[in-house]
Structures are given as C-alpha cells and as structure tokens.
Amino acid sequence: MSTQKHPETNQSESVDTEIREEPSVKKRNLTANPGDRIADEPQTIEEKAKQVAVDVPDITGDHVKVPTYFVVEEPNGEKKALHHVKDAEEISDVIRQARVDENGNRIW
C-alpha cells in the first residue's frame, strides 16, 4: 500500500496497490453450521439422509441433533430430500399436511 496526494484536496490518501479477489462465500465456508453446506456434487437421498447439520449439547445440557436433510415421501411414493434451511418452508408444509385428515381437519 502506498500514499499519494489527492489532486483536488491536496491531502494524502492510501492507495491499495494489491488487487485481491475475495473468495466466494461457498469457498470461505461461511455458514452458521458447517453441516448447513450443500455439497457441490450430486448426492443420493441415502447420502443426504446421513448428513447432520448440528450435533451438540445445548445450554440446558440436552443433546440437539438436526439433520441437514429431511427425507419425505411424496404422494406418488417418490422420496425427496429437503434441506433444513433452503427448503424450510416446504418442510413446514409437509408437517402441516401430516396433521390434517383426509377431510382437511386438523389433528392434534
């Protein structure tokens, strides 16, 4: 880094002589939990089902284990892996559907 005089104000200013390209967020692994990352290469549902986002004791001493993916079965029988962050809204929809009967009445 060097300094030079600004032509209009005649005051010194810093000039960054090194041009650095910042690595992407994905390359820097910036997630709250490393288990939140979505793999770069495709994975099978079985591989996704084994991933764990969080596996730690909480402040009360209870153990918290959160899967990275929730595997759900579609009405046609097909299984689908939903990411616990990216697909949170769809996971909520699945949970709501599981709590209603065939007439749409909520079951508690």
PDB file of N, CA and C in Angstrom:
ATOM      1  N   MET A   1       0.855  -1.164   0.000  1.00  0.00           N
ATOM      2  CA  MET A   1       0.000   0.000   0.000  1.00  0.00           C
ATOM      3  C   MET A   1       0.904   1.231   0.000  1.00  0.00           C
ATOM      4  N   SER A   2       0.546   2.216  -0.779  1.00  0.00           N
ATOM      5  CA  SER A   2       1.332   3.448  -0.831  1.00  0.00           C
ATOM      6  C   SER A   2       0.399   4.630  -0.607  1.00  0.00           C
ATOM      7  N   THR A   3       0.999   5.814  -0.476  1.00  0.00           N
ATOM      8  CA  THR A   3       0.183   7.020  -0.315  1.00  0.00           C
ATOM      9  C   THR A   3       0.480   7.965  -1.461  1.00  0.00           C
ATOM     10  N   GLN A   4      -0.508   8.752  -1.793  1.00  0.00           N
ATOM     11  CA  GLN A   4      -0.343   9.781  -2.827  1.00  0.00           C
ATOM     12  C   GLN A   4      -1.251  10.942  -2.471  1.00  0.00           C
ATOM     13  N   LYS A   5      -0.997  12.085  -3.075  1.00  0.00           N
ATOM     14  CA  LYS A   5      -1.806  13.284  -2.824  1.00  0.00           C
ATOM     15  C   LYS A   5      -3.021  13.259  -3.738  1.00  0.00           C
ATOM     16  N   HIS A   6      -4.189  13.529  -3.148  1.00  0.00           N
ATOM     17  CA  HIS A   6      -5.414  13.639  -3.937  1.00  0.00           C
ATOM     18  C   HIS A   6      -5.354  14.968  -4.678  1.00  0.00           C
ATOM     19  N   PRO A   7      -5.562  14.991  -6.009  1.00  0.00           N
ATOM     20  CA  PRO A   7      -5.381  16.221  -6.785  1.00  0.00           C
ATOM     21  C   PRO A   7      -6.306  17.370  -6.380  1.00  0.00           C
ATOM     22  N   GLU A   8      -7.518  17.106  -5.961  1.00  0.00           N
ATOM     23  CA  GLU A   8      -8.453  18.197  -5.651  1.00  0.00           C
ATOM     24  C   GLU A   8      -8.293  18.729  -4.236  1.00  0.00           C
ATOM     25  N   THR A   9      -7.964  17.849  -3.289  1.00  0.00           N
ATOM     26  CA  THR A   9      -7.880  18.287  -1.896  1.00  0.00           C
ATOM     27  C   THR A   9      -6.450  18.486  -1.415  1.00  0.00           C
ATOM     28  N   ASN A  10      -5.490  17.987  -2.181  1.00  0.00           N
ATOM     29  CA  ASN A  10      -4.087  18.068  -1.828  1.00  0.00           C
ATOM     30  C   ASN A  10      -3.790  17.377  -0.494  1.00  0.00           C
ATOM     31  N   GLN A  11      -4.615  16.362  -0.159  1.00  0.00           N
ATOM     32  CA  GLN A  11      -4.404  15.589   1.063  1.00  0.00           C
ATOM     33  C   GLN A  11      -3.931  14.196   0.689  1.00  0.00           C
ATOM     34  N   SER A  12      -3.176  13.609   1.585  1.00  0.00           N
ATOM     35  CA  SER A  12      -2.672  12.252   1.336  1.00  0.00           C
ATOM     36  C   SER A  12      -3.822  11.251   1.411  1.00  0.00           C
ATOM     37  N   GLU A  13      -3.757  10.258   0.562  1.00  0.00           N
ATOM     38  CA  GLU A  13      -4.742   9.179   0.613  1.00  0.00           C
ATOM     39  C   GLU A  13      -4.019   7.871   0.355  1.00  0.00           C
ATOM     40  N   SER A  14      -4.546   6.815   0.938  1.00  0.00           N
ATOM     41  CA  SER A  14      -3.951   5.493   0.762  1.00  0.00           C
ATOM     42  C   SER A  14      -4.402   4.908  -0.557  1.00  0.00           C
ATOM     43  N   VAL A  15      -3.496   4.243  -1.208  1.00  0.00           N
ATOM     44  CA  VAL A  15      -3.813   3.576  -2.457  1.00  0.00           C
ATOM     45  C   VAL A  15      -3.439   2.117  -2.286  1.00  0.00           C
ATOM     46  N   ASP A  16      -4.407   1.245  -2.467  1.00  0.00           N
ATOM     47  CA  ASP A  16      -4.148  -0.185  -2.356  1.00  0.00           C
ATOM     48  C   ASP A  16      -3.569  -0.653  -3.680  1.00  0.00           C
ATOM     49  N   THR A  17      -2.303  -1.002  -3.665  1.00  0.00           N
ATOM     50  CA  THR A  17      -1.650  -1.410  -4.902  1.00  0.00           C
ATOM     51  C   THR A  17      -1.866  -2.882  -5.202  1.00  0.00           C
ATOM     52  N   GLU A  18      -2.349  -3.640  -4.224  1.00  0.00           N
ATOM     53  CA  GLU A  18      -2.632  -5.057  -4.443  1.00  0.00           C
ATOM     54  C   GLU A  18      -4.117  -5.224  -4.745  1.00  0.00           C
ATOM     55  N   ILE A  19      -4.403  -5.855  -5.845  1.00  0.00           N
ATOM     56  CA  ILE A  19      -5.798  -6.141  -6.176  1.00  0.00           C
ATOM     57  C   ILE A  19      -6.055  -7.579  -5.765  1.00  0.00           C
ATOM     58  N   ARG A  20      -6.966  -7.756  -4.795  1.00  0.00           N
ATOM     59  CA  ARG A  20      -7.276  -9.090  -4.291  1.00  0.00           C
ATOM     60  C   ARG A  20      -8.713  -9.432  -4.622  1.00  0.00           C
ATOM     61  N   GLU A  21      -8.891 -10.617  -5.123  1.00  0.00           N
ATOM     62  CA  GLU A  21     -10.247 -11.089  -5.377  1.00  0.00           C
ATOM     63  C   GLU A  21     -10.671 -11.916  -4.173  1.00  0.00           C
ATOM     64  N   GLU A  22     -11.772 -11.540  -3.550  1.00  0.00           N
ATOM     65  CA  GLU A  22     -12.266 -12.261  -2.388  1.00  0.00           C
ATOM     66  C   GLU A  22     -12.825 -13.616  -2.807  1.00  0.00           C
ATOM     67  N   PRO A  23     -12.514 -14.671  -2.039  1.00  0.00           N
ATOM     68  CA  PRO A  23     -13.119 -15.966  -2.355  1.00  0.00           C
ATOM     69  C   PRO A  23     -14.626 -15.913  -2.108  1.00  0.00           C
ATOM     70  N   SER A  24     -15.338 -16.739  -2.820  1.00  0.00           N
ATOM     71  CA  SER A  24     -16.794 -16.752  -2.667  1.00  0.00           C
ATOM     72  C   SER A  24     -17.173 -17.216  -1.266  1.00  0.00           C
ATOM     73  N   VAL A  25     -18.415 -16.940  -0.883  1.00  0.00           N
ATOM     74  CA  VAL A  25     -18.922 -17.365   0.424  1.00  0.00           C
ATOM     75  C   VAL A  25     -18.822 -18.881   0.546  1.00  0.00           C
ATOM     76  N   LYS A  26     -19.134 -19.577  -0.528  1.00  0.00           N
ATOM     77  CA  LYS A  26     -19.072 -21.035  -0.502  1.00  0.00           C
ATOM     78  C   LYS A  26     -17.646 -21.517  -0.262  1.00  0.00           C
ATOM     79  N   LYS A  27     -16.663 -20.868  -0.926  1.00  0.00           N
ATOM     80  CA  LYS A  27     -15.268 -21.265  -0.742  1.00  0.00           C
ATOM     81  C   LYS A  27     -14.777 -20.933   0.657  1.00  0.00           C
ATOM     82  N   ARG A  28     -15.314 -19.881   1.243  1.00  0.00           N
ATOM     83  CA  ARG A  28     -14.905 -19.493   2.596  1.00  0.00           C
ATOM     84  C   ARG A  28     -15.673 -20.260   3.650  1.00  0.00           C
ATOM     85  N   ASN A  29     -16.652 -21.095   3.223  1.00  0.00           N
ATOM     86  CA  ASN A  29     -17.439 -21.936   4.139  1.00  0.00           C
ATOM     87  C   ASN A  29     -18.143 -21.099   5.202  1.00  0.00           C
ATOM     88  N   LEU A  30     -18.786 -20.000   4.787  1.00  0.00           N
ATOM     89  CA  LEU A  30     -19.451 -19.111   5.724  1.00  0.00           C
ATOM     90  C   LEU A  30     -20.898 -19.531   5.973  1.00  0.00           C
ATOM     91  N   THR A  31     -21.075 -20.468   6.839  1.00  0.00           N
ATOM     92  CA  THR A  31     -22.415 -20.822   7.295  1.00  0.00           C
ATOM     93  C   THR A  31     -22.348 -20.880   8.808  1.00  0.00           C
ATOM     94  N   ALA A  32     -23.486 -20.763   9.441  1.00  0.00           N
ATOM     95  CA  ALA A  32     -23.515 -20.839  10.899  1.00  0.00           C
ATOM     96  C   ALA A  32     -23.030 -22.210  11.360  1.00  0.00           C
ATOM     97  N   ASN A  33     -23.411 -23.224  10.627  1.00  0.00           N
ATOM     98  CA  ASN A  33     -23.003 -24.598  10.932  1.00  0.00           C
ATOM     99  C   ASN A  33     -22.429 -25.217   9.670  1.00  0.00           C
ATOM    100  N   PRO A  34     -21.234 -25.800   9.747  1.00  0.00           N
ATOM    101  CA  PRO A  34     -20.659 -26.427   8.556  1.00  0.00           C
ATOM    102  C   PRO A  34     -21.598 -27.452   7.919  1.00  0.00           C
ATOM    103  N   GLY A  35     -22.435 -28.088   8.712  1.00  0.00           N
ATOM    104  CA  GLY A  35     -23.384 -29.070   8.191  1.00  0.00           C
ATOM    105  C   GLY A  35     -24.479 -28.460   7.342  1.00  0.00           C
ATOM    106  N   ASP A  36     -24.597 -27.131   7.330  1.00  0.00           N
ATOM    107  CA  ASP A  36     -25.605 -26.462   6.506  1.00  0.00           C
ATOM    108  C   ASP A  36     -25.219 -26.441   5.036  1.00  0.00           C
ATOM    109  N   ARG A  37     -23.937 -26.632   4.741  1.00  0.00           N
ATOM    110  CA  ARG A  37     -23.456 -26.555   3.358  1.00  0.00           C
ATOM    111  C   ARG A  37     -24.115 -27.602   2.479  1.00  0.00           C
ATOM    112  N   ILE A  38     -24.423 -27.215   1.273  1.00  0.00           N
ATOM    113  CA  ILE A  38     -24.945 -28.127   0.271  1.00  0.00           C
ATOM    114  C   ILE A  38     -23.750 -28.560  -0.576  1.00  0.00           C
ATOM    115  N   ALA A  39     -23.595 -29.859  -0.752  1.00  0.00           N
ATOM    116  CA  ALA A  39     -22.441 -30.402  -1.477  1.00  0.00           C
ATOM    117  C   ALA A  39     -22.398 -29.873  -2.908  1.00  0.00           C
ATOM    118  N   ASP A  40     -21.197 -29.702  -3.416  1.00  0.00           N
ATOM    119  CA  ASP A  40     -21.005 -29.234  -4.786  1.00  0.00           C
ATOM    120  C   ASP A  40     -21.407 -30.298  -5.798  1.00  0.00           C
ATOM    121  N   GLU A  41     -21.162 -31.561  -5.465  1.00  0.00           N
ATOM    122  CA  GLU A  41     -21.501 -32.638  -6.385  1.00  0.00           C
ATOM    123  C   GLU A  41     -22.805 -33.309  -5.946  1.00  0.00           C
ATOM    124  N   PRO A  42     -23.548 -33.872  -6.889  1.00  0.00           N
ATOM    125  CA  PRO A  42     -24.831 -34.501  -6.560  1.00  0.00           C
ATOM    126  C   PRO A  42     -24.660 -35.650  -5.561  1.00  0.00           C
ATOM    127  N   GLN A  43     -25.663 -35.817  -4.712  1.00  0.00           N
ATOM    128  CA  GLN A  43     -25.658 -36.889  -3.720  1.00  0.00           C
ATOM    129  C   GLN A  43     -26.957 -37.677  -3.820  1.00  0.00           C
ATOM    130  N   THR A  44     -26.896 -38.932  -3.398  1.00  0.00           N
ATOM    131  CA  THR A  44     -28.110 -39.744  -3.368  1.00  0.00           C
ATOM    132  C   THR A  44     -28.930 -39.349  -2.147  1.00  0.00           C
ATOM    133  N   ILE A  45     -30.179 -39.751  -2.141  1.00  0.00           N
ATOM    134  CA  ILE A  45     -31.043 -39.473  -0.980  1.00  0.00           C
ATOM    135  C   ILE A  45     -30.463 -40.152   0.257  1.00  0.00           C
ATOM    136  N   GLU A  46     -29.909 -41.343   0.103  1.00  0.00           N
ATOM    137  CA  GLU A  46     -29.324 -42.057   1.237  1.00  0.00           C
ATOM    138  C   GLU A  46     -28.130 -41.285   1.818  1.00  0.00           C
ATOM    139  N   GLU A  47     -27.303 -40.703   0.944  1.00  0.00           N
ATOM    140  CA  GLU A  47     -26.160 -39.909   1.413  1.00  0.00           C
ATOM    141  C   GLU A  47     -26.635 -38.656   2.138  1.00  0.00           C
ATOM    142  N   LYS A  48     -27.653 -38.011   1.587  1.00  0.00           N
ATOM    143  CA  LYS A  48     -28.190 -36.798   2.211  1.00  0.00           C
ATOM    144  C   LYS A  48     -28.819 -37.123   3.567  1.00  0.00           C
ATOM    145  N   ALA A  49     -29.486 -38.274   3.662  1.00  0.00           N
ATOM    146  CA  ALA A  49     -30.158 -38.655   4.901  1.00  0.00           C
ATOM    147  C   ALA A  49     -29.169 -38.864   6.047  1.00  0.00           C
ATOM    148  N   LYS A  50     -27.928 -39.171   5.740  1.00  0.00           N
ATOM    149  CA  LYS A  50     -26.913 -39.412   6.776  1.00  0.00           C
ATOM    150  C   LYS A  50     -26.264 -38.128   7.280  1.00  0.00           C
ATOM    151  N   GLN A  51     -26.416 -37.013   6.563  1.00  0.00           N
ATOM    152  CA  GLN A  51     -25.766 -35.765   6.950  1.00  0.00           C
ATOM    153  C   GLN A  51     -26.420 -35.145   8.174  1.00  0.00           C
ATOM    154  N   VAL A  52     -25.583 -34.600   9.046  1.00  0.00           N
ATOM    155  CA  VAL A  52     -26.071 -33.948  10.258  1.00  0.00           C
ATOM    156  C   VAL A  52     -25.558 -32.514  10.264  1.00  0.00           C
ATOM    157  N   ALA A  53     -26.472 -31.556  10.447  1.00  0.00           N
ATOM    158  CA  ALA A  53     -26.101 -30.141  10.468  1.00  0.00           C
ATOM    159  C   ALA A  53     -25.591 -29.731  11.845  1.00  0.00           C
ATOM    160  N   VAL A  54     -26.270 -30.179  12.886  1.00  0.00           N
ATOM    161  CA  VAL A  54     -25.925 -29.809  14.256  1.00  0.00           C
ATOM    162  C   VAL A  54     -25.972 -31.059  15.117  1.00  0.00           C
ATOM    163  N   ASP A  55     -24.938 -31.261  15.929  1.00  0.00           N
ATOM    164  CA  ASP A  55     -24.890 -32.398  16.842  1.00  0.00           C
ATOM    165  C   ASP A  55     -24.101 -31.974  18.073  1.00  0.00           C
ATOM    166  N   VAL A  56     -24.768 -31.232  18.961  1.00  0.00           N
ATOM    167  CA  VAL A  56     -24.102 -30.670  20.135  1.00  0.00           C
ATOM    168  C   VAL A  56     -25.069 -30.604  21.313  1.00  0.00           C
ATOM    169  N   PRO A  57     -24.531 -30.511  22.512  1.00  0.00           N
ATOM    170  CA  PRO A  57     -25.416 -30.263  23.659  1.00  0.00           C
ATOM    171  C   PRO A  57     -25.805 -28.786  23.676  1.00  0.00           C
ATOM    172  N   ASP A  58     -27.040 -28.491  24.095  1.00  0.00           N
ATOM    173  CA  ASP A  58     -27.438 -27.088  24.185  1.00  0.00           C
ATOM    174  C   ASP A  58     -27.148 -26.574  25.588  1.00  0.00           C
ATOM    175  N   ILE A  59     -27.559 -25.358  25.859  1.00  0.00           N
ATOM    176  CA  ILE A  59     -27.228 -24.701  27.128  1.00  0.00           C
ATOM    177  C   ILE A  59     -27.837 -25.423  28.336  1.00  0.00           C
ATOM    178  N   THR A  60     -28.937 -26.152  28.103  1.00  0.00           N
ATOM    179  CA  THR A  60     -29.579 -26.872  29.212  1.00  0.00           C
ATOM    180  C   THR A  60     -28.952 -28.241  29.436  1.00  0.00           C
ATOM    181  N   GLY A  61     -28.056 -28.646  28.550  1.00  0.00           N
ATOM    182  CA  GLY A  61     -27.438 -29.957  28.666  1.00  0.00           C
ATOM    183  C   GLY A  61     -28.110 -31.010  27.799  1.00  0.00           C
ATOM    184  N   ASP A  62     -29.284 -30.677  27.249  1.00  0.00           N
ATOM    185  CA  ASP A  62     -29.939 -31.605  26.328  1.00  0.00           C
ATOM    186  C   ASP A  62     -29.116 -31.690  25.056  1.00  0.00           C
ATOM    187  N   HIS A  63     -29.148 -32.848  24.429  1.00  0.00           N
ATOM    188  CA  HIS A  63     -28.391 -33.027  23.192  1.00  0.00           C
ATOM    189  C   HIS A  63     -29.276 -32.641  22.006  1.00  0.00           C
ATOM    190  N   VAL A  64     -28.758 -31.794  21.121  1.00  0.00           N
ATOM    191  CA  VAL A  64     -29.503 -31.340  19.946  1.00  0.00           C
ATOM    192  C   VAL A  64     -28.854 -31.936  18.700  1.00  0.00           C
ATOM    193  N   LYS A  65     -29.666 -32.634  17.925  1.00  0.00           N
ATOM    194  CA  LYS A  65     -29.183 -33.219  16.676  1.00  0.00           C
ATOM    195  C   LYS A  65     -30.164 -32.829  15.576  1.00  0.00           C
ATOM    196  N   VAL A  66     -29.672 -32.080  14.596  1.00  0.00           N
ATOM    197  CA  VAL A  66     -30.516 -31.609  13.495  1.00  0.00           C
ATOM    198  C   VAL A  66     -29.965 -32.190  12.195  1.00  0.00           C
ATOM    199  N   PRO A  67     -30.778 -32.951  11.468  1.00  0.00           N
ATOM    200  CA  PRO A  67     -30.305 -33.460  10.182  1.00  0.00           C
ATOM    201  C   PRO A  67     -30.193 -32.331   9.166  1.00  0.00           C
ATOM    202  N   THR A  68     -29.260 -32.464   8.239  1.00  0.00           N
ATOM    203  CA  THR A  68     -29.118 -31.472   7.181  1.00  0.00           C
ATOM    204  C   THR A  68     -30.303 -31.570   6.227  1.00  0.00           C
ATOM    205  N   TYR A  69     -30.740 -32.782   5.955  1.00  0.00           N
ATOM    206  CA  TYR A  69     -31.868 -33.014   5.046  1.00  0.00           C
ATOM    207  C   TYR A  69     -32.949 -33.812   5.754  1.00  0.00           C
ATOM    208  N   PHE A  70     -34.201 -33.459   5.485  1.00  0.00           N
ATOM    209  CA  PHE A  70     -35.350 -34.233   5.939  1.00  0.00           C
ATOM    210  C   PHE A  70     -35.859 -34.991   4.723  1.00  0.00           C
ATOM    211  N   VAL A  71     -35.919 -36.300   4.836  1.00  0.00           N
ATOM    212  CA  VAL A  71     -36.384 -37.110   3.712  1.00  0.00           C
ATOM    213  C   VAL A  71     -37.885 -37.306   3.880  1.00  0.00           C
ATOM    214  N   VAL A  72     -38.638 -36.907   2.867  1.00  0.00           N
ATOM    215  CA  VAL A  72     -40.099 -37.032   2.894  1.00  0.00           C
ATOM    216  C   VAL A  72     -40.542 -37.869   1.704  1.00  0.00           C
ATOM    217  N   GLU A  73     -41.716 -38.474   1.855  1.00  0.00           N
ATOM    218  CA  GLU A  73     -42.264 -39.268   0.766  1.00  0.00           C
ATOM    219  C   GLU A  73     -43.415 -38.508   0.127  1.00  0.00           C
ATOM    220  N   GLU A  74     -43.327 -38.345  -1.173  1.00  0.00           N
ATOM    221  CA  GLU A  74     -44.363 -37.662  -1.947  1.00  0.00           C
ATOM    222  C   GLU A  74     -45.589 -38.573  -2.055  1.00  0.00           C
ATOM    223  N   PRO A  75     -46.766 -38.006  -2.373  1.00  0.00           N
ATOM    224  CA  PRO A  75     -47.975 -38.822  -2.529  1.00  0.00           C
ATOM    225  C   PRO A  75     -47.806 -39.944  -3.571  1.00  0.00           C
ATOM    226  N   ASN A  76     -46.943 -39.739  -4.560  1.00  0.00           N
ATOM    227  CA  ASN A  76     -46.732 -40.765  -5.585  1.00  0.00           C
ATOM    228  C   ASN A  76     -45.723 -41.825  -5.149  1.00  0.00           C
ATOM    229  N   GLY A  77     -45.220 -41.745  -3.908  1.00  0.00           N
ATOM    230  CA  GLY A  77     -44.282 -42.729  -3.381  1.00  0.00           C
ATOM    231  C   GLY A  77     -42.825 -42.367  -3.554  1.00  0.00           C
ATOM    232  N   GLU A  78     -42.553 -41.319  -4.320  1.00  0.00           N
ATOM    233  CA  GLU A  78     -41.175 -40.890  -4.547  1.00  0.00           C
ATOM    234  C   GLU A  78     -40.629 -40.214  -3.289  1.00  0.00           C
ATOM    235  N   LYS A  79     -39.360 -40.514  -2.962  1.00  0.00           N
ATOM    236  CA  LYS A  79     -38.730 -39.882  -1.801  1.00  0.00           C
ATOM    237  C   LYS A  79     -37.978 -38.639  -2.256  1.00  0.00           C
ATOM    238  N   LYS A  80     -37.970 -37.640  -1.374  1.00  0.00           N
ATOM    239  CA  LYS A  80     -37.366 -36.348  -1.689  1.00  0.00           C
ATOM    240  C   LYS A  80     -36.597 -35.880  -0.454  1.00  0.00           C
ATOM    241  N   ALA A  81     -35.379 -35.345  -0.655  1.00  0.00           N
ATOM    242  CA  ALA A  81     -34.570 -34.828   0.444  1.00  0.00           C
ATOM    243  C   ALA A  81     -34.708 -33.308   0.480  1.00  0.00           C
ATOM    244  N   LEU A  82     -35.219 -32.780   1.580  1.00  0.00           N
ATOM    245  CA  LEU A  82     -35.414 -31.341   1.738  1.00  0.00           C
ATOM    246  C   LEU A  82     -34.358 -30.788   2.687  1.00  0.00           C
ATOM    247  N   HIS A  83     -33.616 -29.766   2.236  1.00  0.00           N
ATOM    248  CA  HIS A  83     -32.568 -29.145   3.050  1.00  0.00           C
ATOM    249  C   HIS A  83     -33.214 -28.333   4.170  1.00  0.00           C
ATOM    250  N   HIS A  84     -32.724 -28.502   5.396  1.00  0.00           N
ATOM    251  CA  HIS A  84     -33.366 -27.895   6.561  1.00  0.00           C
ATOM    252  C   HIS A  84     -33.376 -26.369   6.549  1.00  0.00           C
ATOM    253  N   VAL A  85     -32.525 -25.723   5.754  1.00  0.00           N
ATOM    254  CA  VAL A  85     -32.542 -24.260   5.652  1.00  0.00           C
ATOM    255  C   VAL A  85     -33.194 -23.840   4.342  1.00  0.00           C
ATOM    256  N   LYS A  86     -32.650 -24.322   3.247  1.00  0.00           N
ATOM    257  CA  LYS A  86     -33.117 -23.906   1.914  1.00  0.00           C
ATOM    258  C   LYS A  86     -34.581 -24.279   1.673  1.00  0.00           C
ATOM    259  N   ASP A  87     -35.019 -25.417   2.184  1.00  0.00           N
ATOM    260  CA  ASP A  87     -36.375 -25.910   1.941  1.00  0.00           C
ATOM    261  C   ASP A  87     -37.260 -25.839   3.187  1.00  0.00           C
ATOM    262  N   ALA A  88     -36.950 -24.936   4.108  1.00  0.00           N
ATOM    263  CA  ALA A  88     -37.680 -24.863   5.378  1.00  0.00           C
ATOM    264  C   ALA A  88     -39.180 -24.665   5.191  1.00  0.00           C
ATOM    265  N   GLU A  89     -39.562 -23.833   4.238  1.00  0.00           N
ATOM    266  CA  GLU A  89     -40.993 -23.585   4.018  1.00  0.00           C
ATOM    267  C   GLU A  89     -41.698 -24.854   3.544  1.00  0.00           C
ATOM    268  N   GLU A  90     -41.061 -25.590   2.649  1.00  0.00           N
ATOM    269  CA  GLU A  90     -41.660 -26.835   2.163  1.00  0.00           C
ATOM    270  C   GLU A  90     -41.731 -27.883   3.279  1.00  0.00           C
ATOM    271  N   ILE A  91     -40.721 -27.909   4.156  1.00  0.00           N
ATOM    272  CA  ILE A  91     -40.749 -28.818   5.302  1.00  0.00           C
ATOM    273  C   ILE A  91     -41.935 -28.476   6.199  1.00  0.00           C
ATOM    274  N   SER A  92     -42.171 -27.188   6.427  1.00  0.00           N
ATOM    275  CA  SER A  92     -43.324 -26.760   7.234  1.00  0.00           C
ATOM    276  C   SER A  92     -44.629 -27.202   6.593  1.00  0.00           C
ATOM    277  N   ASP A  93     -44.716 -27.092   5.272  1.00  0.00           N
ATOM    278  CA  ASP A  93     -45.924 -27.528   4.561  1.00  0.00           C
ATOM    279  C   ASP A  93     -46.155 -29.023   4.746  1.00  0.00           C
ATOM    280  N   VAL A  94     -45.088 -29.800   4.667  1.00  0.00           N
ATOM    281  CA  VAL A  94     -45.203 -31.253   4.846  1.00  0.00           C
ATOM    282  C   VAL A  94     -45.700 -31.569   6.254  1.00  0.00           C
ATOM    283  N   ILE A  95     -45.163 -30.874   7.237  1.00  0.00           N
ATOM    284  CA  ILE A  95     -45.589 -31.097   8.622  1.00  0.00           C
ATOM    285  C   ILE A  95     -47.067 -30.741   8.792  1.00  0.00           C
ATOM    286  N   ARG A  96     -47.499 -29.616   8.211  1.00  0.00           N
ATOM    287  CA  ARG A  96     -48.906 -29.228   8.300  1.00  0.00           C
ATOM    288  C   ARG A  96     -49.805 -30.274   7.643  1.00  0.00           C
ATOM    289  N   GLN A  97     -49.389 -30.793   6.498  1.00  0.00           N
ATOM    290  CA  GLN A  97     -50.178 -31.812   5.808  1.00  0.00           C
ATOM    291  C   GLN A  97     -50.287 -33.073   6.647  1.00  0.00           C
ATOM    292  N   ALA A  98     -49.243 -33.375   7.381  1.00  0.00           N
ATOM    293  CA  ALA A  98     -49.256 -34.576   8.211  1.00  0.00           C
ATOM    294  C   ALA A  98     -50.221 -34.446   9.377  1.00  0.00           C
ATOM    295  N   ARG A  99     -50.638 -33.247   9.687  1.00  0.00           N
ATOM    296  CA  ARG A  99     -51.516 -33.013  10.833  1.00  0.00           C
ATOM    297  C   ARG A  99     -52.962 -32.743  10.438  1.00  0.00           C
ATOM    298  N   VAL A 100     -53.334 -33.076   9.220  1.00  0.00           N
ATOM    299  CA  VAL A 100     -54.733 -32.936   8.819  1.00  0.00           C
ATOM    300  C   VAL A 100     -55.229 -34.276   8.295  1.00  0.00           C
ATOM    301  N   ASP A 101     -56.506 -34.547   8.510  1.00  0.00           N
ATOM    302  CA  ASP A 101     -57.060 -35.799   7.999  1.00  0.00           C
ATOM    303  C   ASP A 101     -57.491 -35.626   6.551  1.00  0.00           C
ATOM    304  N   GLU A 102     -58.092 -36.672   5.975  1.00  0.00           N
ATOM    305  CA  GLU A 102     -58.483 -36.629   4.567  1.00  0.00           C
ATOM    306  C   GLU A 102     -59.541 -35.574   4.266  1.00  0.00           C
ATOM    307  N   ASN A 103     -60.247 -35.075   5.286  1.00  0.00           N
ATOM    308  CA  ASN A 103     -61.229 -34.015   5.108  1.00  0.00           C
ATOM    309  C   ASN A 103     -60.634 -32.621   5.328  1.00  0.00           C
ATOM    310  N   GLY A 104     -59.347 -32.562   5.631  1.00  0.00           N
ATOM    311  CA  GLY A 104     -58.711 -31.275   5.848  1.00  0.00           C
ATOM    312  C   GLY A 104     -58.828 -30.783   7.282  1.00  0.00           C
ATOM    313  N   ASN A 105     -59.369 -31.628   8.178  1.00  0.00           N
ATOM    314  CA  ASN A 105     -59.493 -31.244   9.589  1.00  0.00           C
ATOM    315  C   ASN A 105     -58.158 -31.458  10.292  1.00  0.00           C
ATOM    316  N   ARG A 106     -57.771 -30.449  11.064  1.00  0.00           N
ATOM    317  CA  ARG A 106     -56.505 -30.534  11.768  1.00  0.00           C
ATOM    318  C   ARG A 106     -56.579 -31.580  12.888  1.00  0.00           C
ATOM    319  N   ILE A 107     -55.559 -32.400  12.975  1.00  0.00           N
ATOM    320  CA  ILE A 107     -55.474 -33.437  14.009  1.00  0.00           C
ATOM    321  C   ILE A 107     -54.388 -33.009  14.988  1.00  0.00           C
ATOM    322  N   TRP A 108     -54.700 -32.992  16.265  1.00  0.00           N
ATOM    323  CA  TRP A 108     -53.725 -32.594  17.269  1.00  0.00           C
ATOM    324  C   TRP A 108     -53.274 -33.769  18.061  1.00  0.00           C
TER     325      TRP A 108
END
